[in-house]
N, C-alpha and C. Protein backbone atom coordinates (compact mmCIF):
# COMPACT_ATOMS: atom_id res chain seq x y z
N MET A 1 16.90 -1.42 18.35
CA MET A 1 15.80 0.18 18.06
C MET A 1 14.94 0.25 16.82
N PRO A 2 13.56 0.25 17.27
CA PRO A 2 13.09 0.66 15.77
C PRO A 2 13.46 2.09 15.39
N ALA A 3 12.70 2.25 14.30
CA ALA A 3 12.90 3.36 13.52
C ALA A 3 11.79 4.32 13.73
N ILE A 4 12.40 5.62 14.04
CA ILE A 4 11.24 6.28 14.92
C ILE A 4 11.09 7.79 13.65
N ALA A 5 9.97 8.27 12.90
CA ALA A 5 9.84 9.18 12.34
C ALA A 5 8.82 10.40 13.10
N THR A 6 9.23 11.88 12.89
CA THR A 6 7.91 12.60 13.50
C THR A 6 7.40 13.56 12.34
N LEU A 7 6.03 13.28 12.99
CA LEU A 7 5.05 14.29 11.84
C LEU A 7 5.52 15.78 11.91
N SER A 8 5.97 16.23 10.90
CA SER A 8 6.25 17.91 10.77
C SER A 8 4.96 18.78 10.65
N SER A 9 5.28 20.26 10.92
CA SER A 9 4.15 21.11 10.89
C SER A 9 2.93 20.82 9.28
N LYS A 10 4.00 20.62 8.22
CA LYS A 10 3.54 20.46 7.19
C LYS A 10 2.65 18.94 6.87
N TYR A 11 2.55 18.48 8.37
CA TYR A 11 1.91 16.94 8.29
C TYR A 11 2.74 16.09 7.18
N GLN A 12 3.86 16.05 7.47
CA GLN A 12 4.98 15.52 6.31
C GLN A 12 5.98 14.47 7.40
N ILE A 13 6.19 13.22 6.76
CA ILE A 13 6.99 12.03 7.61
C ILE A 13 8.05 12.02 6.53
N SER A 14 9.06 11.64 7.07
CA SER A 14 10.33 11.59 6.36
C SER A 14 10.67 10.04 7.08
N ILE A 15 10.47 8.94 5.87
CA ILE A 15 10.45 7.58 6.26
C ILE A 15 12.13 7.50 6.30
N PRO A 16 12.45 6.66 7.69
CA PRO A 16 13.69 6.49 7.75
C PRO A 16 14.93 5.76 6.76
N LYS A 17 16.21 5.90 6.47
CA LYS A 17 17.06 5.14 5.64
C LYS A 17 17.22 3.98 5.42
N SER A 18 16.92 3.38 7.01
CA SER A 18 17.27 2.11 7.13
C SER A 18 15.85 1.80 6.88
N VAL A 19 14.59 2.11 6.68
CA VAL A 19 13.53 1.47 5.97
C VAL A 19 13.34 1.34 4.72
N ARG A 20 13.73 2.55 4.06
CA ARG A 20 13.89 2.52 2.37
C ARG A 20 14.76 1.66 2.13
N GLU A 21 16.35 0.98 2.97
CA GLU A 21 16.64 0.50 2.11
C GLU A 21 16.42 -1.09 2.47
N GLU A 22 15.69 -1.01 3.57
CA GLU A 22 15.36 -2.71 3.58
C GLU A 22 13.89 -3.06 2.61
N GLN A 23 13.15 -2.22 2.26
CA GLN A 23 12.17 -2.17 1.44
C GLN A 23 12.45 -1.72 0.22
N HIS A 24 13.70 -1.13 -0.38
CA HIS A 24 14.06 -0.86 -1.81
C HIS A 24 12.95 0.21 -2.24
N TRP A 25 12.20 0.96 -1.39
CA TRP A 25 11.37 1.84 -1.83
C TRP A 25 12.70 3.27 -2.78
N GLN A 26 11.58 3.97 -3.78
CA GLN A 26 12.36 4.82 -4.34
C GLN A 26 12.06 6.12 -4.40
N SER A 27 12.27 7.11 -4.45
CA SER A 27 11.68 8.40 -4.42
C SER A 27 10.43 8.67 -5.70
N GLY A 28 9.80 9.02 -5.40
CA GLY A 28 8.67 9.29 -6.69
C GLY A 28 7.29 8.20 -6.41
N GLN A 29 7.97 6.86 -5.76
CA GLN A 29 7.17 6.03 -5.55
C GLN A 29 5.62 5.92 -4.98
N GLN A 30 4.50 5.92 -4.98
CA GLN A 30 3.33 5.79 -4.56
C GLN A 30 2.94 4.70 -3.85
N PHE A 31 2.33 5.28 -2.31
CA PHE A 31 1.90 4.69 -1.53
C PHE A 31 0.58 4.40 -1.24
N VAL A 32 0.01 3.40 -0.50
CA VAL A 32 -1.44 3.72 0.03
C VAL A 32 -1.51 3.67 1.44
N PHE A 33 -2.14 4.19 1.93
CA PHE A 33 -2.59 4.30 3.42
C PHE A 33 -3.57 3.10 3.72
N ILE A 34 -3.76 2.64 4.81
CA ILE A 34 -4.92 1.45 4.94
C ILE A 34 -4.95 1.67 6.38
N PRO A 35 -5.93 2.58 6.82
CA PRO A 35 -6.39 2.40 8.25
C PRO A 35 -6.88 0.95 9.22
N LYS A 36 -5.67 0.97 10.10
CA LYS A 36 -6.12 -0.52 10.73
C LYS A 36 -5.66 0.24 12.64
N GLY A 37 -7.64 -0.10 13.34
CA GLY A 37 -7.12 -0.12 14.67
C GLY A 37 -6.98 1.96 14.91
N LYS A 38 -5.93 1.79 15.57
CA LYS A 38 -5.19 3.13 15.83
C LYS A 38 -4.25 3.75 15.35
N GLY A 39 -3.80 2.87 13.94
CA GLY A 39 -2.63 2.93 13.12
C GLY A 39 -2.92 2.92 11.79
N ILE A 40 -2.19 2.55 11.18
CA ILE A 40 -1.94 2.56 9.77
C ILE A 40 -1.25 1.48 8.88
N LEU A 41 -1.52 1.33 8.01
CA LEU A 41 -0.39 0.60 6.90
C LEU A 41 0.11 0.88 5.91
N VAL A 42 0.91 0.83 5.90
CA VAL A 42 1.51 1.75 4.55
C VAL A 42 2.45 0.68 3.24
N MET A 43 1.95 0.70 2.60
CA MET A 43 1.66 -0.10 1.04
C MET A 43 2.04 0.77 0.05
N PRO A 44 3.53 -0.09 -0.82
CA PRO A 44 3.43 0.92 -2.40
C PRO A 44 2.34 0.50 -2.95
N VAL A 45 2.20 1.06 -3.97
CA VAL A 45 1.14 0.83 -4.97
C VAL A 45 1.33 -0.35 -5.93
N PRO A 46 1.47 -1.23 -5.70
CA PRO A 46 1.84 -1.95 -7.08
C PRO A 46 1.61 -1.34 -8.18
N SER A 47 2.61 -1.62 -9.39
CA SER A 47 2.08 -1.81 -10.92
C SER A 47 1.47 -2.54 -11.68
N LEU A 48 0.82 -2.07 -12.82
CA LEU A 48 0.02 -3.37 -13.42
C LEU A 48 1.02 -4.95 -13.73
N SER A 49 2.30 -4.42 -14.19
CA SER A 49 3.13 -5.96 -14.31
C SER A 49 3.23 -6.41 -13.06
N GLN A 50 3.45 -6.08 -11.73
CA GLN A 50 3.60 -6.53 -10.75
C GLN A 50 1.78 -7.41 -10.61
N LEU A 51 0.92 -7.01 -11.00
CA LEU A 51 -0.22 -7.28 -10.67
C LEU A 51 -0.69 -8.55 -11.92
N ASN A 52 0.03 -8.89 -13.20
CA ASN A 52 -0.37 -9.56 -14.08
C ASN A 52 -0.09 -11.10 -13.22
N GLY A 53 -0.86 -12.28 -13.79
CA GLY A 53 -1.73 -13.11 -13.58
C GLY A 53 -1.55 -13.32 -12.02
N ILE A 54 -2.23 -12.39 -11.42
CA ILE A 54 -2.68 -12.71 -10.12
C ILE A 54 -3.57 -13.27 -9.90
N ALA A 55 -4.98 -13.81 -10.81
CA ALA A 55 -5.99 -14.29 -10.86
C ALA A 55 -6.01 -15.21 -12.53
N VAL A 56 -4.90 -16.08 -12.32
CA VAL A 56 -5.21 -17.02 -12.96
C VAL A 56 -5.83 -17.72 -13.51
N ASN A 57 -6.34 -18.60 -12.05
CA ASN A 57 -7.53 -19.41 -12.03
C ASN A 57 -8.93 -18.93 -11.52
N ALA A 58 -9.01 -17.66 -11.85
CA ALA A 58 -10.28 -16.69 -11.07
C ALA A 58 -11.46 -17.48 -12.38
N ASN A 59 -12.37 -17.16 -11.18
CA ASN A 59 -13.82 -18.29 -12.06
C ASN A 59 -14.68 -17.21 -12.07
N PRO A 60 -15.13 -16.68 -13.36
CA PRO A 60 -15.56 -14.76 -13.60
C PRO A 60 -17.05 -15.45 -13.73
N SER A 61 -17.57 -16.88 -13.78
CA SER A 61 -18.79 -16.85 -13.34
C SER A 61 -19.37 -16.57 -11.70
N ASN A 62 -20.47 -15.88 -11.60
CA ASN A 62 -21.46 -15.82 -10.41
C ASN A 62 -20.78 -15.01 -9.77
N TYR A 63 -20.24 -13.71 -10.42
CA TYR A 63 -19.42 -12.68 -9.50
C TYR A 63 -20.71 -11.66 -8.86
N ARG A 64 -20.55 -10.80 -7.75
CA ARG A 64 -21.34 -9.53 -7.76
C ARG A 64 -21.46 -8.66 -8.19
N ASP A 65 -22.38 -8.21 -8.91
CA ASP A 65 -22.51 -6.79 -9.37
C ASP A 65 -22.74 -5.84 -8.83
N ARG A 66 -22.50 -4.81 -8.98
CA ARG A 66 -22.65 -3.58 -8.36
C ARG A 66 -24.31 -3.61 -7.74
N ASN A 67 -24.99 -3.85 -8.56
CA ASN A 67 -26.69 -3.65 -8.58
C ASN A 67 -26.88 -4.85 -7.80
N ASP A 68 -26.13 -5.52 -7.53
CA ASP A 68 -26.27 -6.65 -6.23
C ASP A 68 -26.08 -6.62 -4.98
N ARG A 69 -25.50 -5.14 -4.74
CA ARG A 69 -24.83 -4.98 -3.08
C ARG A 69 -26.08 -4.21 -2.69
N PHE A 70 -26.07 -4.05 -1.63
CA PHE A 70 -26.93 -3.63 -0.64
C PHE A 70 -26.93 -2.16 -0.03
């Protein structure tokens, strides 16, 4: 059975314990909400150490600057 939560009158949702434990989420952790159609995707905000090395082979030449945008 899927984990279910209810939106409170203060617009708060408690994440079910089974989901928190499976995802290893901790209190105080920050999350980002990404709209997806009629729902949302909830993801933890990565720390800088988790992003280290993500663009190791990236080519910085020929990138678009803010002035290039429409």
